[in-house]
């Protein structure tokens, strides 16, 4: 274990040495403990036990050895397995490379699709609002058609676009018109 792991306080506010199973209250005390003969002896014993159990490599480092001496020690099955893994690794590298190229191609040629989709959503929302407004105007027209309510008739050309609201359309022809006077 690295010394840094010992130099952090536990939840109880004490410094702990898991190798020696001791707890101390101050940083200076844990540093003195880590330099002590008993701790060093117990740490070496724990390392040797971990190596013999296969939890640590013999040189104290994790990872693969790939030097010529280590390659000569491989059995034929291990060599075949290593070659298979090397080929699989190369195939995966090529697949990733091709996927990245396709992704770049899609971004380059279809990157504008996101903005088009956003525009489409905005237009759908606008359409929905206009349909609601249209329904409101239809209801208003129904209210105007009641007996006792007089409608003011005007020629179509007398109103500006801002004064006119179309309530219903039938194949492009206006069925009803409301004046906002």
N, C-alpha and C. Protein backbone atom coordinates (compact mmCIF):
# COMPACT_ATOMS: atom_id res chain seq x y z
N UNK A 1 0.83 -1.18 0.00
CA UNK A 1 0.00 0.00 0.00
C UNK A 1 0.87 1.24 0.00
N UNK A 2 0.42 2.27 -0.69
CA UNK A 2 1.22 3.48 -0.73
C UNK A 2 1.08 4.25 0.58
N UNK A 3 2.08 5.04 0.86
CA UNK A 3 2.08 5.81 2.10
C UNK A 3 0.94 6.82 2.11
N UNK A 4 0.56 7.32 0.92
CA UNK A 4 -0.51 8.32 0.83
C UNK A 4 -1.83 7.79 1.36
N UNK A 5 -2.09 6.48 1.17
CA UNK A 5 -3.35 5.92 1.67
C UNK A 5 -3.38 5.92 3.20
N UNK A 6 -2.22 5.89 3.84
CA UNK A 6 -2.17 5.94 5.29
C UNK A 6 -2.32 7.37 5.81
N UNK A 7 -2.05 8.35 4.97
CA UNK A 7 -2.01 9.73 5.44
C UNK A 7 -3.37 10.43 5.34
N UNK A 8 -4.43 9.66 5.21
CA UNK A 8 -5.78 10.22 5.21
C UNK A 8 -6.50 9.78 6.46
N UNK A 9 -7.25 10.70 7.03
CA UNK A 9 -8.01 10.37 8.23
C UNK A 9 -9.21 9.51 7.86
N UNK A 10 -9.53 8.61 8.74
CA UNK A 10 -10.72 7.79 8.57
C UNK A 10 -11.94 8.55 9.04
N UNK A 11 -13.12 7.97 8.92
CA UNK A 11 -14.35 8.66 9.35
C UNK A 11 -14.37 8.96 10.85
N UNK A 12 -13.58 8.20 11.61
CA UNK A 12 -13.53 8.43 13.06
C UNK A 12 -12.50 9.50 13.44
N UNK A 13 -11.81 10.08 12.45
CA UNK A 13 -10.83 11.13 12.71
C UNK A 13 -9.43 10.62 13.02
N UNK A 14 -9.24 9.31 12.95
CA UNK A 14 -7.94 8.72 13.26
C UNK A 14 -7.26 8.26 11.97
N UNK A 15 -5.93 8.11 12.04
CA UNK A 15 -5.16 7.54 10.95
C UNK A 15 -5.02 6.05 11.23
N UNK A 16 -5.23 5.21 10.19
CA UNK A 16 -5.22 3.75 10.39
C UNK A 16 -4.14 3.09 9.54
N UNK A 17 -3.50 2.10 10.12
CA UNK A 17 -2.56 1.24 9.39
C UNK A 17 -3.23 -0.13 9.30
N UNK A 18 -3.67 -0.51 8.10
CA UNK A 18 -4.37 -1.78 7.93
C UNK A 18 -3.44 -2.98 8.04
N UNK A 19 -2.18 -2.77 7.72
CA UNK A 19 -1.20 -3.87 7.81
C UNK A 19 -0.98 -4.26 9.27
N UNK A 20 -0.78 -3.26 10.10
CA UNK A 20 -0.48 -3.51 11.51
C UNK A 20 -1.73 -3.47 12.39
N UNK A 21 -2.83 -3.03 11.83
CA UNK A 21 -4.10 -2.89 12.56
C UNK A 21 -3.96 -2.00 13.78
N UNK A 22 -3.42 -0.79 13.55
CA UNK A 22 -3.32 0.20 14.61
C UNK A 22 -3.96 1.50 14.13
N UNK A 23 -4.42 2.30 15.08
CA UNK A 23 -5.00 3.61 14.79
C UNK A 23 -4.30 4.64 15.66
N UNK A 24 -3.97 5.78 15.05
CA UNK A 24 -3.27 6.83 15.79
C UNK A 24 -3.97 8.16 15.52
N UNK A 25 -3.86 9.11 16.45
CA UNK A 25 -4.61 10.35 16.32
C UNK A 25 -3.96 11.44 15.47
N UNK A 26 -2.62 11.41 15.28
CA UNK A 26 -1.98 12.53 14.58
C UNK A 26 -1.20 12.06 13.36
N UNK A 27 -0.97 12.99 12.47
CA UNK A 27 -0.22 12.73 11.25
C UNK A 27 1.23 12.38 11.56
N UNK A 28 1.81 13.08 12.50
CA UNK A 28 3.20 12.82 12.86
C UNK A 28 3.37 11.40 13.42
N UNK A 29 2.40 10.95 14.19
CA UNK A 29 2.48 9.60 14.78
C UNK A 29 2.39 8.55 13.69
N UNK A 30 1.50 8.72 12.70
CA UNK A 30 1.38 7.72 11.63
C UNK A 30 2.65 7.71 10.78
N UNK A 31 3.25 8.87 10.56
CA UNK A 31 4.51 8.91 9.79
C UNK A 31 5.61 8.16 10.54
N UNK A 32 5.69 8.36 11.83
CA UNK A 32 6.69 7.63 12.64
C UNK A 32 6.42 6.14 12.58
N UNK A 33 5.14 5.76 12.65
CA UNK A 33 4.78 4.34 12.59
C UNK A 33 5.22 3.73 11.25
N UNK A 34 4.97 4.44 10.16
CA UNK A 34 5.31 3.92 8.83
C UNK A 34 6.81 3.74 8.64
N UNK A 35 7.62 4.51 9.37
CA UNK A 35 9.07 4.37 9.29
C UNK A 35 9.61 3.31 10.26
N UNK A 36 8.76 2.81 11.12
CA UNK A 36 9.19 1.87 12.16
C UNK A 36 9.48 0.48 11.61
N UNK A 37 10.36 -0.26 12.34
CA UNK A 37 10.80 -1.60 11.95
C UNK A 37 9.63 -2.58 11.88
N UNK A 38 8.74 -2.54 12.86
CA UNK A 38 7.62 -3.49 12.91
C UNK A 38 6.71 -3.32 11.69
N UNK A 39 6.41 -2.08 11.33
CA UNK A 39 5.54 -1.83 10.18
C UNK A 39 6.21 -2.31 8.89
N UNK A 40 7.49 -1.99 8.72
CA UNK A 40 8.21 -2.40 7.50
C UNK A 40 8.24 -3.92 7.40
N UNK A 41 8.49 -4.60 8.52
CA UNK A 41 8.54 -6.07 8.55
C UNK A 41 7.16 -6.64 8.16
N UNK A 42 6.09 -6.12 8.75
CA UNK A 42 4.74 -6.62 8.46
C UNK A 42 4.34 -6.32 7.00
N UNK A 43 4.75 -5.15 6.48
CA UNK A 43 4.42 -4.79 5.09
C UNK A 43 5.09 -5.76 4.13
N UNK A 44 6.36 -6.11 4.38
CA UNK A 44 7.07 -7.08 3.53
C UNK A 44 6.40 -8.45 3.59
N UNK A 45 5.99 -8.86 4.77
CA UNK A 45 5.30 -10.14 4.91
C UNK A 45 3.98 -10.14 4.12
N UNK A 46 3.25 -9.04 4.19
CA UNK A 46 1.98 -8.93 3.46
C UNK A 46 2.22 -8.97 1.95
N UNK A 47 3.28 -8.31 1.48
CA UNK A 47 3.60 -8.34 0.05
C UNK A 47 3.95 -9.75 -0.41
N UNK A 48 4.77 -10.44 0.38
CA UNK A 48 5.14 -11.82 0.04
C UNK A 48 3.92 -12.73 0.00
N UNK A 49 3.01 -12.55 0.95
CA UNK A 49 1.78 -13.35 0.98
C UNK A 49 0.93 -13.05 -0.27
N UNK A 50 0.83 -11.78 -0.64
CA UNK A 50 0.05 -11.41 -1.84
C UNK A 50 0.68 -11.97 -3.12
N UNK A 51 2.01 -11.98 -3.17
CA UNK A 51 2.70 -12.55 -4.34
C UNK A 51 2.44 -14.05 -4.43
N UNK A 52 2.55 -14.73 -3.29
CA UNK A 52 2.34 -16.19 -3.30
C UNK A 52 0.89 -16.54 -3.63
N UNK A 53 -0.06 -15.67 -3.27
CA UNK A 53 -1.48 -15.90 -3.58
C UNK A 53 -1.83 -15.44 -4.98
N UNK A 54 -0.88 -14.82 -5.68
CA UNK A 54 -1.13 -14.35 -7.05
C UNK A 54 -1.82 -13.00 -7.13
N UNK A 55 -1.92 -12.29 -6.02
CA UNK A 55 -2.55 -10.97 -6.02
C UNK A 55 -1.59 -9.88 -6.50
N UNK A 56 -0.31 -10.15 -6.42
CA UNK A 56 0.72 -9.22 -6.88
C UNK A 56 1.70 -9.97 -7.77
N UNK A 57 2.23 -9.32 -8.82
CA UNK A 57 3.27 -9.97 -9.61
C UNK A 57 4.58 -10.02 -8.82
N UNK A 58 5.48 -10.87 -9.26
CA UNK A 58 6.73 -11.09 -8.52
C UNK A 58 7.60 -9.83 -8.41
N UNK A 59 7.56 -8.97 -9.42
CA UNK A 59 8.41 -7.77 -9.35
C UNK A 59 7.68 -6.59 -8.71
N UNK A 60 6.45 -6.81 -8.22
CA UNK A 60 5.72 -5.73 -7.56
C UNK A 60 4.99 -4.83 -8.52
N UNK A 61 5.06 -5.09 -9.84
CA UNK A 61 4.37 -4.26 -10.82
C UNK A 61 3.28 -5.07 -11.49
N UNK A 62 2.18 -4.40 -11.80
CA UNK A 62 1.11 -5.05 -12.53
C UNK A 62 1.31 -4.79 -14.02
N UNK A 63 0.72 -5.63 -14.86
CA UNK A 63 0.80 -5.43 -16.30
C UNK A 63 1.38 -6.65 -16.97
N UNK A 64 1.54 -6.57 -18.29
CA UNK A 64 2.04 -7.69 -19.07
C UNK A 64 3.52 -7.49 -19.37
N UNK A 65 4.22 -8.57 -19.36
CA UNK A 65 5.62 -8.53 -19.77
C UNK A 65 5.66 -8.98 -21.23
N UNK A 66 6.37 -8.23 -22.04
CA UNK A 66 6.38 -8.56 -23.47
C UNK A 66 7.78 -8.67 -24.03
N UNK A 67 8.76 -8.77 -23.19
CA UNK A 67 10.14 -8.88 -23.68
C UNK A 67 10.41 -10.24 -24.30
N UNK A 68 11.55 -10.39 -24.99
CA UNK A 68 11.88 -11.66 -25.65
C UNK A 68 11.99 -12.84 -24.69
N UNK A 69 12.46 -12.58 -23.48
CA UNK A 69 12.58 -13.67 -22.51
C UNK A 69 11.20 -14.21 -22.12
N UNK A 70 10.25 -13.28 -21.92
CA UNK A 70 8.91 -13.69 -21.55
C UNK A 70 8.20 -14.39 -22.71
N UNK A 71 8.45 -13.93 -23.94
CA UNK A 71 7.83 -14.55 -25.11
C UNK A 71 8.35 -15.98 -25.30
N UNK A 72 9.60 -16.21 -24.97
CA UNK A 72 10.18 -17.55 -25.10
C UNK A 72 9.57 -18.52 -24.09
N UNK A 73 9.05 -18.00 -22.98
CA UNK A 73 8.46 -18.84 -21.95
C UNK A 73 7.02 -19.26 -22.27
N UNK A 74 6.42 -18.66 -23.28
CA UNK A 74 5.03 -18.97 -23.60
C UNK A 74 4.88 -20.37 -24.17
N UNK A 75 3.80 -21.03 -23.78
CA UNK A 75 3.49 -22.34 -24.37
C UNK A 75 2.85 -22.10 -25.73
N UNK A 76 2.70 -23.16 -26.51
CA UNK A 76 2.11 -22.99 -27.84
C UNK A 76 0.66 -22.50 -27.75
N UNK A 77 -0.08 -22.95 -26.74
CA UNK A 77 -1.46 -22.48 -26.56
C UNK A 77 -1.48 -20.99 -26.21
N UNK A 78 -0.57 -20.58 -25.33
CA UNK A 78 -0.51 -19.17 -24.95
C UNK A 78 -0.10 -18.31 -26.14
N UNK A 79 0.83 -18.80 -26.95
CA UNK A 79 1.27 -18.06 -28.13
C UNK A 79 0.11 -17.93 -29.13
N UNK A 80 -0.63 -19.04 -29.34
CA UNK A 80 -1.78 -19.01 -30.25
C UNK A 80 -2.84 -18.03 -29.73
N UNK A 81 -3.09 -18.09 -28.41
CA UNK A 81 -4.07 -17.19 -27.81
C UNK A 81 -3.63 -15.74 -27.96
N UNK A 82 -2.34 -15.47 -27.76
CA UNK A 82 -1.83 -14.12 -27.91
C UNK A 82 -1.99 -13.64 -29.35
N UNK A 83 -1.71 -14.50 -30.34
CA UNK A 83 -1.87 -14.13 -31.74
C UNK A 83 -3.34 -13.86 -32.06
N UNK A 84 -4.25 -14.70 -31.54
CA UNK A 84 -5.68 -14.48 -31.75
C UNK A 84 -6.13 -13.14 -31.17
N UNK A 85 -5.63 -12.83 -29.98
CA UNK A 85 -5.98 -11.56 -29.35
C UNK A 85 -5.41 -10.38 -30.12
N UNK A 86 -4.21 -10.53 -30.65
CA UNK A 86 -3.61 -9.47 -31.45
C UNK A 86 -4.43 -9.21 -32.70
N UNK A 87 -4.88 -10.28 -33.36
CA UNK A 87 -5.71 -10.14 -34.56
C UNK A 87 -7.05 -9.50 -34.21
N UNK A 88 -7.67 -9.96 -33.11
CA UNK A 88 -8.95 -9.39 -32.68
C UNK A 88 -8.80 -7.91 -32.35
N UNK A 89 -7.70 -7.56 -31.71
CA UNK A 89 -7.43 -6.17 -31.37
C UNK A 89 -7.30 -5.31 -32.63
N UNK A 90 -6.59 -5.81 -33.62
CA UNK A 90 -6.42 -5.09 -34.88
C UNK A 90 -7.76 -4.93 -35.61
N UNK A 91 -8.58 -6.00 -35.60
CA UNK A 91 -9.90 -5.91 -36.23
C UNK A 91 -10.78 -4.87 -35.54
N UNK A 92 -10.75 -4.85 -34.22
CA UNK A 92 -11.52 -3.85 -33.49
C UNK A 92 -11.03 -2.44 -33.79
N UNK A 93 -9.72 -2.28 -33.89
CA UNK A 93 -9.16 -0.96 -34.22
C UNK A 93 -9.68 -0.50 -35.57
N UNK A 94 -9.70 -1.42 -36.57
CA UNK A 94 -10.21 -1.07 -37.91
C UNK A 94 -11.70 -0.73 -37.87
N UNK A 95 -12.47 -1.51 -37.10
CA UNK A 95 -13.91 -1.23 -36.99
C UNK A 95 -14.16 0.15 -36.39
N UNK A 96 -13.40 0.49 -35.37
CA UNK A 96 -13.54 1.80 -34.74
C UNK A 96 -13.18 2.89 -35.74
N UNK A 97 -12.10 2.69 -36.48
CA UNK A 97 -11.67 3.67 -37.48
C UNK A 97 -12.76 3.88 -38.52
N UNK A 98 -13.35 2.78 -39.03
CA UNK A 98 -14.42 2.90 -40.03
C UNK A 98 -15.65 3.59 -39.45
N UNK A 99 -16.01 3.26 -38.22
CA UNK A 99 -17.17 3.89 -37.59
C UNK A 99 -16.94 5.39 -37.42
N UNK A 100 -15.71 5.78 -37.06
CA UNK A 100 -15.40 7.20 -36.91
C UNK A 100 -15.48 7.92 -38.26
N UNK A 101 -15.04 7.26 -39.35
CA UNK A 101 -15.14 7.86 -40.68
C UNK A 101 -16.59 8.04 -41.08
N UNK A 102 -17.43 7.01 -40.84
CA UNK A 102 -18.85 7.11 -41.18
C UNK A 102 -19.52 8.21 -40.36
N UNK A 103 -19.16 8.29 -39.10
CA UNK A 103 -19.73 9.32 -38.23
C UNK A 103 -19.37 10.71 -38.74
N UNK A 104 -18.12 10.89 -39.13
CA UNK A 104 -17.67 12.18 -39.66
C UNK A 104 -18.41 12.50 -40.96
N UNK A 105 -18.57 11.49 -41.83
CA UNK A 105 -19.29 11.67 -43.09
C UNK A 105 -20.74 12.11 -42.81
N UNK A 106 -21.38 11.45 -41.84
CA UNK A 106 -22.76 11.81 -41.50
C UNK A 106 -22.84 13.23 -40.95
N UNK A 107 -21.90 13.58 -40.06
CA UNK A 107 -21.91 14.94 -39.52
C UNK A 107 -21.71 15.97 -40.62
N UNK A 108 -20.82 15.63 -41.55
CA UNK A 108 -20.52 16.56 -42.64
C UNK A 108 -21.72 16.72 -43.58
N UNK A 109 -22.36 15.60 -43.96
CA UNK A 109 -23.43 15.65 -44.94
C UNK A 109 -24.82 15.85 -44.35
N UNK A 110 -25.00 15.51 -43.09
CA UNK A 110 -26.34 15.59 -42.52
C UNK A 110 -26.37 16.40 -41.23
N UNK A 111 -25.36 17.17 -40.97
CA UNK A 111 -25.30 17.97 -39.74
C UNK A 111 -26.40 18.99 -39.64
N UNK A 112 -26.89 19.44 -40.81
CA UNK A 112 -27.96 20.44 -40.82
C UNK A 112 -29.31 19.84 -40.44
N UNK A 113 -29.40 18.52 -40.35
CA UNK A 113 -30.67 17.87 -40.05
C UNK A 113 -31.21 18.28 -38.69
N UNK A 114 -30.34 18.52 -37.75
CA UNK A 114 -30.78 18.91 -36.42
C UNK A 114 -31.50 20.25 -36.48
N UNK A 115 -30.93 21.19 -37.22
CA UNK A 115 -31.59 22.49 -37.34
C UNK A 115 -32.91 22.37 -38.10
N UNK A 116 -32.95 21.48 -39.10
CA UNK A 116 -34.21 21.28 -39.83
C UNK A 116 -35.26 20.66 -38.92
N UNK A 117 -34.86 19.73 -38.08
CA UNK A 117 -35.81 19.12 -37.15
C UNK A 117 -36.32 20.15 -36.15
N UNK A 118 -35.44 21.01 -35.67
CA UNK A 118 -35.87 22.07 -34.76
C UNK A 118 -36.86 23.00 -35.44
N UNK A 119 -36.58 23.34 -36.70
CA UNK A 119 -37.48 24.20 -37.46
C UNK A 119 -38.84 23.53 -37.65
N UNK A 120 -38.83 22.22 -37.95
CA UNK A 120 -40.06 21.47 -38.12
C UNK A 120 -40.88 21.49 -36.84
N UNK A 121 -40.23 21.30 -35.70
CA UNK A 121 -40.94 21.34 -34.42
C UNK A 121 -41.55 22.71 -34.17
N UNK A 122 -40.82 23.76 -34.51
CA UNK A 122 -41.34 25.12 -34.35
C UNK A 122 -42.56 25.34 -35.24
N UNK A 123 -42.49 24.85 -36.48
CA UNK A 123 -43.61 25.00 -37.40
C UNK A 123 -44.82 24.20 -36.93
N UNK A 124 -44.60 23.03 -36.38
CA UNK A 124 -45.70 22.24 -35.85
C UNK A 124 -46.37 22.97 -34.69
N UNK A 125 -45.56 23.57 -33.82
CA UNK A 125 -46.11 24.34 -32.70
C UNK A 125 -46.92 25.53 -33.22
N UNK A 126 -46.39 26.21 -34.22
CA UNK A 126 -47.09 27.36 -34.82
C UNK A 126 -48.41 26.91 -35.45
N UNK A 127 -48.39 25.76 -36.13
CA UNK A 127 -49.60 25.21 -36.75
C UNK A 127 -50.64 24.93 -35.67
N UNK A 128 -50.20 24.33 -34.58
CA UNK A 128 -51.12 24.02 -33.49
C UNK A 128 -51.74 25.29 -32.93
N UNK A 129 -50.94 26.34 -32.74
CA UNK A 129 -51.45 27.63 -32.24
C UNK A 129 -52.47 28.21 -33.20
N UNK A 130 -52.16 28.15 -34.50
CA UNK A 130 -53.09 28.69 -35.50
C UNK A 130 -54.38 27.88 -35.54
N UNK A 131 -54.30 26.58 -35.35
CA UNK A 131 -55.51 25.76 -35.31
C UNK A 131 -56.37 26.13 -34.10
N UNK A 132 -55.73 26.38 -32.97
CA UNK A 132 -56.48 26.80 -31.79
C UNK A 132 -57.13 28.15 -32.02
N UNK A 133 -56.39 29.07 -32.61
CA UNK A 133 -56.92 30.40 -32.91
C UNK A 133 -58.10 30.28 -33.88
N UNK A 134 -57.95 29.41 -34.86
CA UNK A 134 -59.00 29.17 -35.84
C UNK A 134 -60.26 28.66 -35.13
N UNK A 135 -60.09 27.72 -34.21
CA UNK A 135 -61.23 27.17 -33.47
C UNK A 135 -61.92 28.25 -32.65
N UNK A 136 -61.13 29.11 -32.01
CA UNK A 136 -61.69 30.22 -31.23
C UNK A 136 -62.50 31.14 -32.12
N UNK A 137 -61.99 31.43 -33.30
CA UNK A 137 -62.70 32.32 -34.23
C UNK A 137 -63.98 31.68 -34.74
N UNK A 138 -63.95 30.39 -34.96
CA UNK A 138 -65.17 29.68 -35.39
C UNK A 138 -66.23 29.81 -34.30
N UNK A 139 -65.81 29.61 -33.04
CA UNK A 139 -66.76 29.74 -31.92
C UNK A 139 -67.30 31.16 -31.85
N UNK A 140 -66.46 32.15 -32.09
CA UNK A 140 -66.87 33.54 -32.07
C UNK A 140 -67.87 33.81 -33.18
N UNK A 141 -67.66 33.22 -34.34
CA UNK A 141 -68.60 33.36 -35.45
C UNK A 141 -69.95 32.75 -35.11
N UNK A 142 -69.92 31.60 -34.45
CA UNK A 142 -71.18 30.97 -34.05
C UNK A 142 -71.95 31.90 -33.11
N UNK A 143 -71.21 32.57 -32.19
CA UNK A 143 -71.86 33.51 -31.27
C UNK A 143 -72.47 34.68 -32.04
N UNK A 144 -71.83 35.12 -33.11
CA UNK A 144 -72.33 36.25 -33.91
C UNK A 144 -73.56 35.88 -34.73
N UNK A 145 -73.73 34.60 -35.02
CA UNK A 145 -74.87 34.16 -35.82
C UNK A 145 -76.15 34.03 -35.00
N UNK A 146 -76.12 34.35 -33.73
CA UNK A 146 -77.32 34.27 -32.91
C UNK A 146 -78.30 35.38 -33.27
N UNK A 147 -79.60 35.13 -33.12
CA UNK A 147 -80.59 36.16 -33.42
C UNK A 147 -80.42 37.37 -32.51
N UNK A 148 -80.66 38.55 -33.05
CA UNK A 148 -80.57 39.78 -32.29
C UNK A 148 -79.21 40.44 -32.38
N UNK A 149 -78.21 39.75 -32.92
CA UNK A 149 -76.88 40.35 -33.08
C UNK A 149 -76.75 40.74 -34.53
N UNK A 150 -76.46 42.02 -34.76
CA UNK A 150 -76.32 42.50 -36.12
C UNK A 150 -74.85 42.46 -36.51
N UNK A 151 -74.63 42.01 -37.73
CA UNK A 151 -73.27 41.97 -38.25
C UNK A 151 -73.06 43.17 -39.14
N UNK A 152 -71.89 43.72 -39.04
CA UNK A 152 -71.54 44.84 -39.89
C UNK A 152 -70.89 44.28 -41.14
N UNK A 153 -71.47 44.62 -42.30
CA UNK A 153 -70.92 44.11 -43.55
C UNK A 153 -70.00 45.15 -44.16
N UNK A 154 -68.89 44.69 -44.64
CA UNK A 154 -67.93 45.55 -45.34
C UNK A 154 -67.42 44.80 -46.53
N UNK A 155 -66.94 45.56 -47.46
CA UNK A 155 -66.27 44.92 -48.60
C UNK A 155 -64.92 44.41 -48.12
N UNK A 156 -64.46 43.41 -48.75
CA UNK A 156 -63.22 42.76 -48.35
C UNK A 156 -62.02 43.70 -48.44
N UNK A 157 -61.94 44.56 -49.37
CA UNK A 157 -60.78 45.42 -49.57
C UNK A 157 -60.67 46.55 -48.60
N UNK A 158 -61.68 46.78 -47.75
CA UNK A 158 -61.65 47.92 -46.84
C UNK A 158 -60.78 47.69 -45.61
N UNK A 159 -60.36 46.48 -45.34
CA UNK A 159 -59.59 46.18 -44.13
C UNK A 159 -58.14 45.85 -44.48
N UNK A 160 -57.27 46.23 -43.57
CA UNK A 160 -55.86 45.84 -43.75
C UNK A 160 -55.69 44.40 -43.27
N UNK A 161 -54.53 43.82 -43.56
CA UNK A 161 -54.26 42.44 -43.15
C UNK A 161 -54.31 42.29 -41.63
N UNK A 162 -53.86 43.32 -40.88
CA UNK A 162 -53.86 43.26 -39.42
C UNK A 162 -55.28 43.23 -38.86
N UNK A 163 -56.26 43.81 -39.59
CA UNK A 163 -57.63 43.87 -39.11
C UNK A 163 -58.42 42.62 -39.44
N UNK A 164 -57.91 41.80 -40.33
CA UNK A 164 -58.64 40.62 -40.77
C UNK A 164 -58.10 39.36 -40.12
N UNK A 165 -58.98 38.53 -39.66
CA UNK A 165 -58.62 37.20 -39.15
C UNK A 165 -59.52 36.21 -39.88
N UNK A 166 -58.94 35.21 -40.45
CA UNK A 166 -59.74 34.20 -41.16
C UNK A 166 -60.08 33.08 -40.20
N UNK A 167 -61.33 32.71 -40.17
CA UNK A 167 -61.77 31.70 -39.23
C UNK A 167 -61.75 30.30 -39.82
N UNK A 168 -62.22 30.14 -41.04
CA UNK A 168 -62.30 28.81 -41.61
C UNK A 168 -61.95 28.87 -43.07
N UNK A 169 -61.31 27.85 -43.57
CA UNK A 169 -60.96 27.79 -44.97
C UNK A 169 -61.61 26.56 -45.59
N UNK A 170 -62.05 26.69 -46.82
CA UNK A 170 -62.61 25.57 -47.56
C UNK A 170 -61.96 25.56 -48.92
N UNK A 171 -60.98 24.69 -49.11
CA UNK A 171 -60.21 24.62 -50.36
C UNK A 171 -59.62 25.97 -50.74
N UNK A 172 -59.14 26.70 -49.77
CA UNK A 172 -58.47 27.97 -50.06
C UNK A 172 -59.41 29.16 -50.09
N UNK A 173 -60.74 28.96 -50.02
CA UNK A 173 -61.68 30.09 -50.03
C UNK A 173 -62.05 30.43 -48.60
N UNK A 174 -62.23 31.68 -48.33
CA UNK A 174 -62.61 32.11 -46.99
C UNK A 174 -64.09 31.88 -46.82
N UNK A 175 -64.47 31.17 -45.75
CA UNK A 175 -65.88 30.96 -45.45
C UNK A 175 -66.41 32.10 -44.57
N UNK A 176 -65.60 32.57 -43.63
CA UNK A 176 -66.06 33.59 -42.71
C UNK A 176 -64.92 34.56 -42.45
N UNK A 177 -65.29 35.79 -42.13
CA UNK A 177 -64.30 36.80 -41.87
C UNK A 177 -64.78 37.62 -40.68
N UNK A 178 -63.86 37.89 -39.74
CA UNK A 178 -64.22 38.70 -38.57
C UNK A 178 -63.50 40.01 -38.68
N UNK A 179 -64.19 41.08 -38.44
CA UNK A 179 -63.57 42.41 -38.45
C UNK A 179 -63.24 42.78 -37.03
N UNK A 180 -62.07 43.30 -36.84
CA UNK A 180 -61.63 43.70 -35.50
C UNK A 180 -61.71 45.21 -35.35
N UNK A 181 -62.89 45.76 -35.51
CA UNK A 181 -63.11 47.22 -35.37
C UNK A 181 -63.35 47.60 -33.94
